[in-house]
Amino acid sequence: MLDELLATAALVGTAGVVYVAAAARVVKQYERGVVLRLGRLRGGIRPPGFTMIIPGVDRLRKVNMQIVTMPVPA
């Protein structure tokens, strides 16, 4: 009985760790995150930092906000 309970607890714990690892995302300081749920825009942007999504349902697209300078010939 105790062995089954420990095995179940270990399985649930492992599944939880895998879920969090799949859901965790980091948006860098010069980026913004746009979340698409099943291909449709899900409200607002994600600011820089740690964010979570629903794996398999959400997709986080990172948009680079850096300014790109290009030389202009005179």
PDB file of N, CA and C in Angstrom:
ATOM      1  N   MET A   1       0.819  -1.192   0.000  1.00  0.00           N
ATOM      2  CA  MET A   1       0.000   0.000   0.000  1.00  0.00           C
ATOM      3  C   MET A   1       0.870   1.266   0.000  1.00  0.00           C
ATOM      4  N   LEU A   2       1.864   1.284   0.885  1.00  0.00           N
ATOM      5  CA  LEU A   2       2.739   2.448   0.973  1.00  0.00           C
ATOM      6  C   LEU A   2       3.588   2.594  -0.288  1.00  0.00           C
ATOM      7  N   ASP A   3       4.019   1.472  -0.851  1.00  0.00           N
ATOM      8  CA  ASP A   3       4.808   1.520  -2.084  1.00  0.00           C
ATOM      9  C   ASP A   3       4.012   2.115  -3.235  1.00  0.00           C
ATOM     10  N   GLU A   4       2.743   1.747  -3.335  1.00  0.00           N
ATOM     11  CA  GLU A   4       1.891   2.289  -4.398  1.00  0.00           C
ATOM     12  C   GLU A   4       1.693   3.791  -4.218  1.00  0.00           C
ATOM     13  N   LEU A   5       1.524   4.214  -2.956  1.00  0.00           N
ATOM     14  CA  LEU A   5       1.333   5.636  -2.673  1.00  0.00           C
ATOM     15  C   LEU A   5       2.593   6.436  -3.014  1.00  0.00           C
ATOM     16  N   LEU A   6       3.743   5.920  -2.661  1.00  0.00           N
ATOM     17  CA  LEU A   6       5.002   6.593  -2.985  1.00  0.00           C
ATOM     18  C   LEU A   6       5.250   6.637  -4.488  1.00  0.00           C
ATOM     19  N   ALA A   7       4.929   5.554  -5.175  1.00  0.00           N
ATOM     20  CA  ALA A   7       5.099   5.523  -6.626  1.00  0.00           C
ATOM     21  C   ALA A   7       4.175   6.537  -7.299  1.00  0.00           C
ATOM     22  N   THR A   8       2.938   6.632  -6.818  1.00  0.00           N
ATOM     23  CA  THR A   8       1.986   7.594  -7.372  1.00  0.00           C
ATOM     24  C   THR A   8       2.448   9.025  -7.102  1.00  0.00           C
ATOM     25  N   ALA A   9       2.929   9.283  -5.889  1.00  0.00           N
ATOM     26  CA  ALA A   9       3.414  10.621  -5.549  1.00  0.00           C
ATOM     27  C   ALA A   9       4.627  10.995  -6.399  1.00  0.00           C
ATOM     28  N   ALA A  10       5.523  10.044  -6.625  1.00  0.00           N
ATOM     29  CA  ALA A  10       6.693  10.305  -7.463  1.00  0.00           C
ATOM     30  C   ALA A  10       6.277  10.589  -8.903  1.00  0.00           C
ATOM     31  N   LEU A  11       5.301   9.849  -9.398  1.00  0.00           N
ATOM     32  CA  LEU A  11       4.815  10.051 -10.761  1.00  0.00           C
ATOM     33  C   LEU A  11       4.160  11.424 -10.915  1.00  0.00           C
ATOM     34  N   VAL A  12       3.332  11.796  -9.944  1.00  0.00           N
ATOM     35  CA  VAL A  12       2.671  13.104  -9.994  1.00  0.00           C
ATOM     36  C   VAL A  12       3.702  14.227  -9.887  1.00  0.00           C
ATOM     37  N   GLY A  13       4.682  14.069  -9.019  1.00  0.00           N
ATOM     38  CA  GLY A  13       5.738  15.071  -8.882  1.00  0.00           C
ATOM     39  C   GLY A  13       6.554  15.229 -10.149  1.00  0.00           C
ATOM     40  N   THR A  14       6.894  14.109 -10.779  1.00  0.00           N
ATOM     41  CA  THR A  14       7.651  14.153 -12.029  1.00  0.00           C
ATOM     42  C   THR A  14       6.839  14.816 -13.138  1.00  0.00           C
ATOM     43  N   ALA A  15       5.549  14.485 -13.213  1.00  0.00           N
ATOM     44  CA  ALA A  15       4.684  15.100 -14.221  1.00  0.00           C
ATOM     45  C   ALA A  15       4.574  16.606 -13.988  1.00  0.00           C
ATOM     46  N   GLY A  16       4.514  17.027 -12.737  1.00  0.00           N
ATOM     47  CA  GLY A  16       4.456  18.452 -12.417  1.00  0.00           C
ATOM     48  C   GLY A  16       5.712  19.189 -12.832  1.00  0.00           C
ATOM     49  N   VAL A  17       6.860  18.583 -12.596  1.00  0.00           N
ATOM     50  CA  VAL A  17       8.132  19.203 -12.983  1.00  0.00           C
ATOM     51  C   VAL A  17       8.231  19.319 -14.503  1.00  0.00           C
ATOM     52  N   VAL A  18       7.813  18.287 -15.213  1.00  0.00           N
ATOM     53  CA  VAL A  18       7.847  18.316 -16.682  1.00  0.00           C
ATOM     54  C   VAL A  18       6.901  19.391 -17.215  1.00  0.00           C
ATOM     55  N   TYR A  19       5.719  19.526 -16.600  1.00  0.00           N
ATOM     56  CA  TYR A  19       4.750  20.532 -17.037  1.00  0.00           C
ATOM     57  C   TYR A  19       5.304  21.942 -16.842  1.00  0.00           C
ATOM     58  N   VAL A  20       5.883  22.200 -15.673  1.00  0.00           N
ATOM     59  CA  VAL A  20       6.432  23.532 -15.400  1.00  0.00           C
ATOM     60  C   VAL A  20       7.602  23.832 -16.334  1.00  0.00           C
ATOM     61  N   ALA A  21       8.426  22.833 -16.604  1.00  0.00           N
ATOM     62  CA  ALA A  21       9.552  23.040 -17.518  1.00  0.00           C
ATOM     63  C   ALA A  21       9.067  23.350 -18.935  1.00  0.00           C
ATOM     64  N   ALA A  22       7.960  22.745 -19.346  1.00  0.00           N
ATOM     65  CA  ALA A  22       7.423  22.998 -20.686  1.00  0.00           C
ATOM     66  C   ALA A  22       6.678  24.328 -20.750  1.00  0.00           C
ATOM     67  N   ALA A  23       6.145  24.801 -19.627  1.00  0.00           N
ATOM     68  CA  ALA A  23       5.336  26.015 -19.618  1.00  0.00           C
ATOM     69  C   ALA A  23       6.153  27.277 -19.374  1.00  0.00           C
ATOM     70  N   ALA A  24       7.322  27.149 -18.812  1.00  0.00           N
ATOM     71  CA  ALA A  24       8.126  28.318 -18.437  1.00  0.00           C
ATOM     72  C   ALA A  24       8.798  28.934 -19.656  1.00  0.00           C
ATOM     73  N   ARG A  25       8.711  30.245 -19.745  1.00  0.00           N
ATOM     74  CA  ARG A  25       9.367  30.986 -20.814  1.00  0.00           C
ATOM     75  C   ARG A  25      10.008  32.234 -20.228  1.00  0.00           C
ATOM     76  N   VAL A  26      11.084  32.692 -20.850  1.00  0.00           N
ATOM     77  CA  VAL A  26      11.755  33.921 -20.427  1.00  0.00           C
ATOM     78  C   VAL A  26      11.776  34.876 -21.610  1.00  0.00           C
ATOM     79  N   VAL A  27      11.237  36.067 -21.396  1.00  0.00           N
ATOM     80  CA  VAL A  27      11.251  37.126 -22.404  1.00  0.00           C
ATOM     81  C   VAL A  27      12.377  38.075 -22.012  1.00  0.00           C
ATOM     82  N   LYS A  28      13.317  38.279 -22.918  1.00  0.00           N
ATOM     83  CA  LYS A  28      14.478  39.125 -22.630  1.00  0.00           C
ATOM     84  C   LYS A  28      14.078  40.596 -22.573  1.00  0.00           C
ATOM     85  N   GLN A  29      14.975  41.407 -22.029  1.00  0.00           N
ATOM     86  CA  GLN A  29      14.670  42.810 -21.784  1.00  0.00           C
ATOM     87  C   GLN A  29      14.346  43.573 -23.066  1.00  0.00           C
ATOM     88  N   TYR A  30      14.967  43.219 -24.165  1.00  0.00           N
ATOM     89  CA  TYR A  30      14.749  43.936 -25.421  1.00  0.00           C
ATOM     90  C   TYR A  30      13.655  43.289 -26.274  1.00  0.00           C
ATOM     91  N   GLU A  31      12.904  42.363 -25.705  1.00  0.00           N
ATOM     92  CA  GLU A  31      11.834  41.676 -26.428  1.00  0.00           C
ATOM     93  C   GLU A  31      10.498  41.904 -25.728  1.00  0.00           C
ATOM     94  N   ARG A  32       9.436  41.619 -26.454  1.00  0.00           N
ATOM     95  CA  ARG A  32       8.095  41.564 -25.885  1.00  0.00           C
ATOM     96  C   ARG A  32       7.486  40.258 -26.368  1.00  0.00           C
ATOM     97  N   GLY A  33       6.637  39.680 -25.564  1.00  0.00           N
ATOM     98  CA  GLY A  33       6.026  38.403 -25.918  1.00  0.00           C
ATOM     99  C   GLY A  33       4.579  38.575 -26.328  1.00  0.00           C
ATOM    100  N   VAL A  34       4.185  37.894 -27.382  1.00  0.00           N
ATOM    101  CA  VAL A  34       2.803  37.885 -27.843  1.00  0.00           C
ATOM    102  C   VAL A  34       2.318  36.444 -27.745  1.00  0.00           C
ATOM    103  N   VAL A  35       1.225  36.243 -27.016  1.00  0.00           N
ATOM    104  CA  VAL A  35       0.717  34.890 -26.799  1.00  0.00           C
ATOM    105  C   VAL A  35      -0.403  34.611 -27.790  1.00  0.00           C
ATOM    106  N   LEU A  36      -0.262  33.502 -28.506  1.00  0.00           N
ATOM    107  CA  LEU A  36      -1.298  33.030 -29.423  1.00  0.00           C
ATOM    108  C   LEU A  36      -1.890  31.755 -28.836  1.00  0.00           C
ATOM    109  N   ARG A  37      -3.182  31.756 -28.617  1.00  0.00           N
ATOM    110  CA  ARG A  37      -3.860  30.564 -28.128  1.00  0.00           C
ATOM    111  C   ARG A  37      -4.654  29.972 -29.284  1.00  0.00           C
ATOM    112  N   LEU A  38      -4.216  28.794 -29.717  1.00  0.00           N
ATOM    113  CA  LEU A  38      -4.817  28.101 -30.859  1.00  0.00           C
ATOM    114  C   LEU A  38      -4.841  29.001 -32.092  1.00  0.00           C
ATOM    115  N   GLY A  39      -3.796  29.802 -32.270  1.00  0.00           N
ATOM    116  CA  GLY A  39      -3.654  30.639 -33.454  1.00  0.00           C
ATOM    117  C   GLY A  39      -4.294  32.003 -33.361  1.00  0.00           C
ATOM    118  N   ARG A  40      -4.991  32.282 -32.264  1.00  0.00           N
ATOM    119  CA  ARG A  40      -5.629  33.590 -32.106  1.00  0.00           C
ATOM    120  C   ARG A  40      -4.933  34.377 -31.011  1.00  0.00           C
ATOM    121  N   LEU A  41      -4.859  35.674 -31.219  1.00  0.00           N
ATOM    122  CA  LEU A  41      -4.185  36.548 -30.275  1.00  0.00           C
ATOM    123  C   LEU A  41      -4.901  36.514 -28.934  1.00  0.00           C
ATOM    124  N   ARG A  42      -4.138  36.302 -27.892  1.00  0.00           N
ATOM    125  CA  ARG A  42      -4.686  36.314 -26.536  1.00  0.00           C
ATOM    126  C   ARG A  42      -4.230  37.604 -25.883  1.00  0.00           C
ATOM    127  N   GLY A  43      -5.168  38.385 -25.402  1.00  0.00           N
ATOM    128  CA  GLY A  43      -5.000  39.752 -24.934  1.00  0.00           C
ATOM    129  C   GLY A  43      -3.675  40.171 -24.341  1.00  0.00           C
ATOM    130  N   GLY A  44      -3.224  41.319 -24.748  1.00  0.00           N
ATOM    131  CA  GLY A  44      -2.059  41.960 -24.172  1.00  0.00           C
ATOM    132  C   GLY A  44      -0.730  41.352 -24.570  1.00  0.00           C
ATOM    133  N   ILE A  45       0.317  42.083 -24.235  1.00  0.00           N
ATOM    134  CA  ILE A  45       1.665  41.595 -24.498  1.00  0.00           C
ATOM    135  C   ILE A  45       2.283  41.158 -23.183  1.00  0.00           C
ATOM    136  N   ARG A  46       3.256  40.300 -23.270  1.00  0.00           N
ATOM    137  CA  ARG A  46       3.978  39.864 -22.078  1.00  0.00           C
ATOM    138  C   ARG A  46       5.234  40.712 -21.946  1.00  0.00           C
ATOM    139  N   PRO A  47       5.391  41.358 -20.815  1.00  0.00           N
ATOM    140  CA  PRO A  47       6.584  42.191 -20.609  1.00  0.00           C
ATOM    141  C   PRO A  47       7.820  41.331 -20.387  1.00  0.00           C
ATOM    142  N   PRO A  48       8.986  41.947 -20.376  1.00  0.00           N
ATOM    143  CA  PRO A  48      10.210  41.186 -20.138  1.00  0.00           C
ATOM    144  C   PRO A  48      10.176  40.495 -18.776  1.00  0.00           C
ATOM    145  N   GLY A  49      10.778  39.326 -18.741  1.00  0.00           N
ATOM    146  CA  GLY A  49      10.844  38.567 -17.495  1.00  0.00           C
ATOM    147  C   GLY A  49      10.307  37.160 -17.679  1.00  0.00           C
ATOM    148  N   PHE A  50      10.005  36.528 -16.550  1.00  0.00           N
ATOM    149  CA  PHE A  50       9.517  35.156 -16.531  1.00  0.00           C
ATOM    150  C   PHE A  50       8.024  35.137 -16.807  1.00  0.00           C
ATOM    151  N   THR A  51       7.579  34.227 -17.647  1.00  0.00           N
ATOM    152  CA  THR A  51       6.160  34.087 -17.943  1.00  0.00           C
ATOM    153  C   THR A  51       5.819  32.614 -18.130  1.00  0.00           C
ATOM    154  N   MET A  52       4.561  32.289 -17.951  1.00  0.00           N
ATOM    155  CA  MET A  52       4.091  30.909 -18.093  1.00  0.00           C
ATOM    156  C   MET A  52       3.030  30.862 -19.191  1.00  0.00           C
ATOM    157  N   ILE A  53       3.032  29.763 -19.943  1.00  0.00           N
ATOM    158  CA  ILE A  53       2.013  29.523 -20.955  1.00  0.00           C
ATOM    159  C   ILE A  53       1.443  28.132 -20.734  1.00  0.00           C
ATOM    160  N   ILE A  54       0.391  27.802 -21.449  1.00  0.00           N
ATOM    161  CA  ILE A  54      -0.181  26.459 -21.397  1.00  0.00           C
ATOM    162  C   ILE A  54       0.435  25.659 -22.543  1.00  0.00           C
ATOM    163  N   PRO A  55       1.270  24.668 -22.234  1.00  0.00           N
ATOM    164  CA  PRO A  55       1.934  23.905 -23.296  1.00  0.00           C
ATOM    165  C   PRO A  55       0.921  23.174 -24.180  1.00  0.00           C
ATOM    166  N   GLY A  56       1.164  23.202 -25.476  1.00  0.00           N
ATOM    167  CA  GLY A  56       0.292  22.514 -26.418  1.00  0.00           C
ATOM    168  C   GLY A  56      -0.879  23.346 -26.886  1.00  0.00           C
ATOM    169  N   VAL A  57      -1.214  24.404 -26.149  1.00  0.00           N
ATOM    170  CA  VAL A  57      -2.341  25.261 -26.511  1.00  0.00           C
ATOM    171  C   VAL A  57      -1.842  26.651 -26.889  1.00  0.00           C
ATOM    172  N   ASP A  58      -0.937  27.188 -26.075  1.00  0.00           N
ATOM    173  CA  ASP A  58      -0.401  28.532 -26.302  1.00  0.00           C
ATOM    174  C   ASP A  58       0.935  28.471 -27.021  1.00  0.00           C
ATOM    175  N   ARG A  59       1.198  29.531 -27.771  1.00  0.00           N
ATOM    176  CA  ARG A  59       2.514  29.735 -28.371  1.00  0.00           C
ATOM    177  C   ARG A  59       2.943  31.155 -28.028  1.00  0.00           C
ATOM    178  N   LEU A  60       4.186  31.287 -27.610  1.00  0.00           N
ATOM    179  CA  LEU A  60       4.729  32.600 -27.286  1.00  0.00           C
ATOM    180  C   LEU A  60       5.640  33.029 -28.421  1.00  0.00           C
ATOM    181  N   ARG A  61       5.252  34.089 -29.102  1.00  0.00           N
ATOM    182  CA  ARG A  61       6.084  34.655 -30.164  1.00  0.00           C
ATOM    183  C   ARG A  61       6.814  35.849 -29.577  1.00  0.00           C
ATOM    184  N   LYS A  62       8.127  35.864 -29.709  1.00  0.00           N
ATOM    185  CA  LYS A  62       8.929  36.960 -29.187  1.00  0.00           C
ATOM    186  C   LYS A  62       9.179  37.972 -30.299  1.00  0.00           C
ATOM    187  N   VAL A  63       8.938  39.240 -29.981  1.00  0.00           N
ATOM    188  CA  VAL A  63       9.131  40.323 -30.938  1.00  0.00           C
ATOM    189  C   VAL A  63      10.321  41.154 -30.466  1.00  0.00           C
ATOM    190  N   ASN A  64      11.312  41.299 -31.338  1.00  0.00           N
ATOM    191  CA  ASN A  64      12.509  42.064 -31.016  1.00  0.00           C
ATOM    192  C   ASN A  64      12.190  43.553 -31.128  1.00  0.00           C
ATOM    193  N   MET A  65      12.439  44.302 -30.054  1.00  0.00           N
ATOM    194  CA  MET A  65      12.117  45.727 -30.023  1.00  0.00           C
ATOM    195  C   MET A  65      13.360  46.606 -30.172  1.00  0.00           C
ATOM    196  N   GLN A  66      14.491  46.025 -30.547  1.00  0.00           N
ATOM    197  CA  GLN A  66      15.718  46.797 -30.696  1.00  0.00           C
ATOM    198  C   GLN A  66      15.634  47.696 -31.926  1.00  0.00           C
ATOM    199  N   ILE A  67      16.272  48.841 -31.820  1.00  0.00           N
ATOM    200  CA  ILE A  67      16.336  49.771 -32.946  1.00  0.00           C
ATOM    201  C   ILE A  67      17.491  49.349 -33.840  1.00  0.00           C
ATOM    202  N   VAL A  68      17.215  49.216 -35.116  1.00  0.00           N
ATOM    203  CA  VAL A  68      18.235  48.831 -36.086  1.00  0.00           C
ATOM    204  C   VAL A  68      18.610  50.071 -36.880  1.00  0.00           C
ATOM    205  N   THR A  69      19.878  50.430 -36.842  1.00  0.00           N
ATOM    206  CA  THR A  69      20.340  51.590 -37.609  1.00  0.00           C
ATOM    207  C   THR A  69      21.006  51.099 -38.883  1.00  0.00           C
ATOM    208  N   MET A  70      20.716  51.781 -39.963  1.00  0.00           N
ATOM    209  CA  MET A  70      21.291  51.421 -41.255  1.00  0.00           C
ATOM    210  C   MET A  70      21.966  52.658 -41.836  1.00  0.00           C
ATOM    211  N   PRO A  71      23.140  52.491 -42.398  1.00  0.00           N
ATOM    212  CA  PRO A  71      23.815  53.651 -42.993  1.00  0.00           C
ATOM    213  C   PRO A  71      23.095  54.103 -44.269  1.00  0.00           C
ATOM    214  N   VAL A  72      22.974  55.404 -44.409  1.00  0.00           N
ATOM    215  CA  VAL A  72      22.346  55.980 -45.596  1.00  0.00           C
ATOM    216  C   VAL A  72      23.437  56.685 -46.394  1.00  0.00           C
ATOM    217  N   PRO A  73      23.690  56.245 -47.632  1.00  0.00           N
ATOM    218  CA  PRO A  73      24.728  56.911 -48.427  1.00  0.00           C
ATOM    219  C   PRO A  73      24.312  58.347 -48.764  1.00  0.00           C
ATOM    220  N   ALA A  74      25.292  59.241 -48.730  1.00  0.00           N
ATOM    221  CA  ALA A  74      25.004  60.660 -48.980  1.00  0.00           C
ATOM    222  C   ALA A  74      24.967  60.986 -50.449  1.00  0.00           C
TER     223      ALA A  74
END
